[in-house]
C-alpha cells in the first residue's frame, strides 16, 4: 500500500483541478499502488504540464512549486513496476 502525504495529496488535487478535471476521481484512491500503470503515466504527464506552466520563475529557475511537482512526478514514477 502506498499513500501520499497530505501535502502531496493536496498538490495532486490542485494540479488535476487545474489541468484535467475529468481525472479528479483518481485523487480518491487512498492506495496509489492500486492505480494502473497507464493512469500513473497519464498523471505524470499532467503534473509535467503543470510544472512547465507554473514551476519556473521569469528567469526559468525552478520555484518551490516546481520542486514539489518534480517530487510528485518522481513519487508516482516509483510506483511503476
N, C-alpha and C. Protein backbone atom coordinates (compact mmCIF):
# COMPACT_ATOMS: atom_id res chain seq x y z
N UNK A 1 0.85 -1.18 0.00
CA UNK A 1 0.00 0.00 0.00
C UNK A 1 0.89 1.24 0.00
N UNK A 2 0.52 2.20 -0.83
CA UNK A 2 1.29 3.44 -0.89
C UNK A 2 0.35 4.63 -0.82
N UNK A 3 0.58 5.50 0.16
CA UNK A 3 -0.23 6.71 0.33
C UNK A 3 0.66 7.94 0.19
N UNK A 4 0.12 8.97 -0.43
CA UNK A 4 0.80 10.26 -0.48
C UNK A 4 0.65 10.96 0.87
N UNK A 5 1.64 11.76 1.24
CA UNK A 5 1.44 12.57 2.43
C UNK A 5 0.42 13.67 2.10
N UNK A 6 -0.05 14.33 3.12
CA UNK A 6 -1.13 15.31 2.94
C UNK A 6 -0.75 16.41 1.94
N UNK A 7 0.47 16.91 2.03
CA UNK A 7 0.93 17.98 1.14
C UNK A 7 0.90 17.53 -0.32
N UNK A 8 1.39 16.33 -0.59
CA UNK A 8 1.42 15.81 -1.97
C UNK A 8 0.01 15.50 -2.47
N UNK A 9 -0.83 15.02 -1.57
CA UNK A 9 -2.22 14.73 -1.93
C UNK A 9 -2.93 16.02 -2.37
N UNK A 10 -2.73 17.08 -1.62
CA UNK A 10 -3.33 18.38 -1.96
C UNK A 10 -2.76 18.89 -3.28
N UNK A 11 -1.46 18.76 -3.48
CA UNK A 11 -0.83 19.20 -4.72
C UNK A 11 -1.39 18.44 -5.92
N UNK A 12 -1.57 17.13 -5.78
CA UNK A 12 -2.15 16.34 -6.86
C UNK A 12 -3.56 16.81 -7.17
N UNK A 13 -4.35 17.05 -6.14
CA UNK A 13 -5.72 17.52 -6.35
C UNK A 13 -5.74 18.87 -7.07
N UNK A 14 -4.91 19.80 -6.61
CA UNK A 14 -4.86 21.12 -7.23
C UNK A 14 -4.41 21.03 -8.69
N UNK A 15 -3.46 20.16 -8.96
CA UNK A 15 -2.97 20.00 -10.33
C UNK A 15 -4.05 19.43 -11.22
N UNK A 16 -4.77 18.43 -10.73
CA UNK A 16 -5.85 17.85 -11.53
C UNK A 16 -6.96 18.86 -11.76
N UNK A 17 -7.26 19.67 -10.76
CA UNK A 17 -8.28 20.71 -10.93
C UNK A 17 -7.84 21.73 -11.99
N UNK A 18 -6.57 22.01 -12.04
CA UNK A 18 -6.04 23.00 -12.98
C UNK A 18 -5.88 22.43 -14.39
N UNK A 19 -5.45 21.19 -14.49
CA UNK A 19 -5.04 20.64 -15.78
C UNK A 19 -6.05 19.68 -16.42
N UNK A 20 -6.74 18.89 -15.60
CA UNK A 20 -7.55 17.81 -16.18
C UNK A 20 -8.61 17.35 -15.18
N UNK A 21 -9.67 18.12 -15.07
CA UNK A 21 -10.70 17.86 -14.06
C UNK A 21 -11.36 16.49 -14.21
N UNK A 22 -11.42 15.96 -15.42
CA UNK A 22 -12.11 14.67 -15.58
C UNK A 22 -11.32 13.51 -14.95
N UNK A 23 -10.09 13.75 -14.52
CA UNK A 23 -9.34 12.71 -13.82
C UNK A 23 -9.30 12.92 -12.30
N UNK A 24 -10.08 13.87 -11.80
CA UNK A 24 -10.11 14.11 -10.36
C UNK A 24 -10.48 12.87 -9.56
N UNK A 25 -11.23 11.98 -10.16
CA UNK A 25 -11.63 10.75 -9.46
C UNK A 25 -10.42 9.92 -9.04
N UNK A 26 -9.28 10.07 -9.73
CA UNK A 26 -8.08 9.33 -9.34
C UNK A 26 -7.56 9.78 -7.99
N UNK A 27 -7.90 10.98 -7.59
CA UNK A 27 -7.42 11.52 -6.33
C UNK A 27 -8.10 10.87 -5.12
N UNK A 28 -9.16 10.11 -5.35
CA UNK A 28 -9.84 9.46 -4.23
C UNK A 28 -9.15 8.17 -3.80
N UNK A 29 -8.25 7.66 -4.62
CA UNK A 29 -7.53 6.44 -4.25
C UNK A 29 -6.64 6.72 -3.05
N UNK A 30 -6.88 5.99 -1.98
CA UNK A 30 -6.01 6.12 -0.82
C UNK A 30 -4.71 5.38 -1.06
N UNK A 31 -4.81 4.23 -1.73
CA UNK A 31 -3.65 3.41 -2.04
C UNK A 31 -3.30 3.60 -3.51
N UNK A 32 -2.30 4.41 -3.78
CA UNK A 32 -1.94 4.72 -5.16
C UNK A 32 -1.37 3.52 -5.91
N UNK A 33 -0.90 2.52 -5.19
CA UNK A 33 -0.37 1.34 -5.88
C UNK A 33 -1.46 0.55 -6.58
N UNK A 34 -2.72 0.89 -6.34
CA UNK A 34 -3.85 0.22 -6.99
C UNK A 34 -4.16 0.82 -8.36
N UNK A 35 -3.56 1.95 -8.69
CA UNK A 35 -3.82 2.62 -9.97
C UNK A 35 -2.98 1.95 -11.06
N UNK A 36 -3.60 1.72 -12.22
CA UNK A 36 -2.91 1.08 -13.33
C UNK A 36 -1.75 1.93 -13.83
N UNK A 37 -0.74 1.28 -14.36
CA UNK A 37 0.45 1.96 -14.87
C UNK A 37 0.10 3.02 -15.90
N UNK A 38 -0.84 2.72 -16.78
CA UNK A 38 -1.26 3.69 -17.81
C UNK A 38 -1.78 4.98 -17.17
N UNK A 39 -2.56 4.84 -16.11
CA UNK A 39 -3.11 6.02 -15.42
C UNK A 39 -2.03 6.78 -14.66
N UNK A 40 -1.08 6.04 -14.09
CA UNK A 40 0.03 6.70 -13.40
C UNK A 40 0.83 7.54 -14.39
N UNK A 41 1.09 6.97 -15.56
CA UNK A 41 1.81 7.73 -16.59
C UNK A 41 1.03 8.95 -17.04
N UNK A 42 -0.29 8.83 -17.14
CA UNK A 42 -1.13 9.97 -17.50
C UNK A 42 -1.03 11.06 -16.43
N UNK A 43 -1.09 10.65 -15.16
CA UNK A 43 -0.94 11.60 -14.06
C UNK A 43 0.41 12.31 -14.13
N UNK A 44 1.45 11.56 -14.40
CA UNK A 44 2.79 12.16 -14.50
C UNK A 44 2.85 13.18 -15.63
N UNK A 45 2.21 12.87 -16.76
CA UNK A 45 2.17 13.81 -17.88
C UNK A 45 1.43 15.10 -17.50
N UNK A 46 0.33 14.94 -16.79
CA UNK A 46 -0.46 16.10 -16.35
C UNK A 46 0.35 16.96 -15.39
N UNK A 47 1.03 16.32 -14.46
CA UNK A 47 1.86 17.05 -13.50
C UNK A 47 3.02 17.74 -14.22
N UNK A 48 3.58 17.08 -15.23
CA UNK A 48 4.66 17.70 -16.01
C UNK A 48 4.16 18.94 -16.74
N UNK A 49 2.92 18.89 -17.24
CA UNK A 49 2.34 20.08 -17.88
C UNK A 49 2.23 21.23 -16.88
N UNK A 50 1.78 20.90 -15.68
CA UNK A 50 1.67 21.92 -14.62
C UNK A 50 3.05 22.48 -14.28
N UNK A 51 4.04 21.60 -14.23
CA UNK A 51 5.42 22.02 -13.97
C UNK A 51 5.89 23.02 -15.02
N UNK A 52 5.63 22.72 -16.28
CA UNK A 52 6.07 23.61 -17.36
C UNK A 52 5.35 24.97 -17.30
N UNK A 53 4.09 24.96 -16.89
CA UNK A 53 3.31 26.20 -16.84
C UNK A 53 3.60 27.06 -15.61
N UNK A 54 3.80 26.41 -14.46
CA UNK A 54 3.86 27.16 -13.20
C UNK A 54 5.09 26.92 -12.35
N UNK A 55 5.95 26.01 -12.77
CA UNK A 55 7.05 25.58 -11.91
C UNK A 55 8.35 26.34 -12.06
N UNK A 56 8.34 27.39 -12.88
CA UNK A 56 9.57 28.15 -13.10
C UNK A 56 9.28 29.64 -13.00
N UNK A 57 10.29 30.39 -12.56
CA UNK A 57 10.12 31.84 -12.48
C UNK A 57 10.41 32.48 -13.84
N UNK A 58 10.39 33.80 -13.87
CA UNK A 58 10.57 34.52 -15.14
C UNK A 58 11.96 34.32 -15.74
N UNK A 59 12.90 33.86 -14.94
CA UNK A 59 14.26 33.59 -15.44
C UNK A 59 14.48 32.10 -15.70
N UNK A 60 13.39 31.36 -15.71
CA UNK A 60 13.41 29.91 -15.94
C UNK A 60 14.14 29.12 -14.85
N UNK A 61 14.19 29.67 -13.65
CA UNK A 61 14.71 28.94 -12.49
C UNK A 61 13.53 28.23 -11.84
N UNK A 62 13.76 27.01 -11.40
CA UNK A 62 12.68 26.26 -10.77
C UNK A 62 12.28 26.95 -9.46
N UNK A 63 10.97 27.02 -9.22
CA UNK A 63 10.48 27.62 -7.98
C UNK A 63 10.04 26.52 -7.02
N UNK A 64 9.52 26.90 -5.86
CA UNK A 64 9.13 25.91 -4.86
C UNK A 64 8.03 24.98 -5.37
N UNK A 65 7.07 25.53 -6.09
CA UNK A 65 6.02 24.69 -6.67
C UNK A 65 6.64 23.70 -7.65
N UNK A 66 7.57 24.15 -8.45
CA UNK A 66 8.23 23.27 -9.41
C UNK A 66 8.96 22.13 -8.73
N UNK A 67 9.63 22.42 -7.63
CA UNK A 67 10.32 21.35 -6.89
C UNK A 67 9.33 20.33 -6.34
N UNK A 68 8.22 20.82 -5.83
CA UNK A 68 7.19 19.91 -5.29
C UNK A 68 6.58 19.06 -6.42
N UNK A 69 6.34 19.68 -7.56
CA UNK A 69 5.79 18.93 -8.70
C UNK A 69 6.78 17.88 -9.19
N UNK A 70 8.06 18.21 -9.23
CA UNK A 70 9.08 17.22 -9.61
C UNK A 70 9.10 16.05 -8.63
N UNK A 71 8.97 16.36 -7.36
CA UNK A 71 8.94 15.31 -6.34
C UNK A 71 7.73 14.40 -6.55
N UNK A 72 6.58 14.99 -6.85
CA UNK A 72 5.37 14.20 -7.08
C UNK A 72 5.53 13.32 -8.32
N UNK A 73 6.13 13.85 -9.37
CA UNK A 73 6.39 13.04 -10.57
C UNK A 73 7.28 11.85 -10.21
N UNK A 74 8.31 12.08 -9.41
CA UNK A 74 9.22 11.01 -9.00
C UNK A 74 8.51 9.97 -8.14
N UNK A 75 7.68 10.43 -7.22
CA UNK A 75 6.94 9.51 -6.35
C UNK A 75 6.06 8.59 -7.19
N UNK A 76 5.33 9.18 -8.13
CA UNK A 76 4.46 8.37 -8.98
C UNK A 76 5.28 7.44 -9.87
N UNK A 77 6.43 7.91 -10.34
CA UNK A 77 7.29 7.07 -11.16
C UNK A 77 7.79 5.85 -10.42
N UNK A 78 7.99 5.98 -9.12
CA UNK A 78 8.44 4.84 -8.32
C UNK A 78 7.37 3.77 -8.16
N UNK A 79 6.13 4.09 -8.49
CA UNK A 79 5.04 3.11 -8.40
C UNK A 79 4.98 2.21 -9.64
N UNK A 80 5.68 2.60 -10.69
CA UNK A 80 5.63 1.83 -11.94
C UNK A 80 6.57 0.64 -11.81
N UNK A 81 6.01 -0.57 -12.04
CA UNK A 81 6.86 -1.78 -11.90
C UNK A 81 7.92 -1.88 -12.98
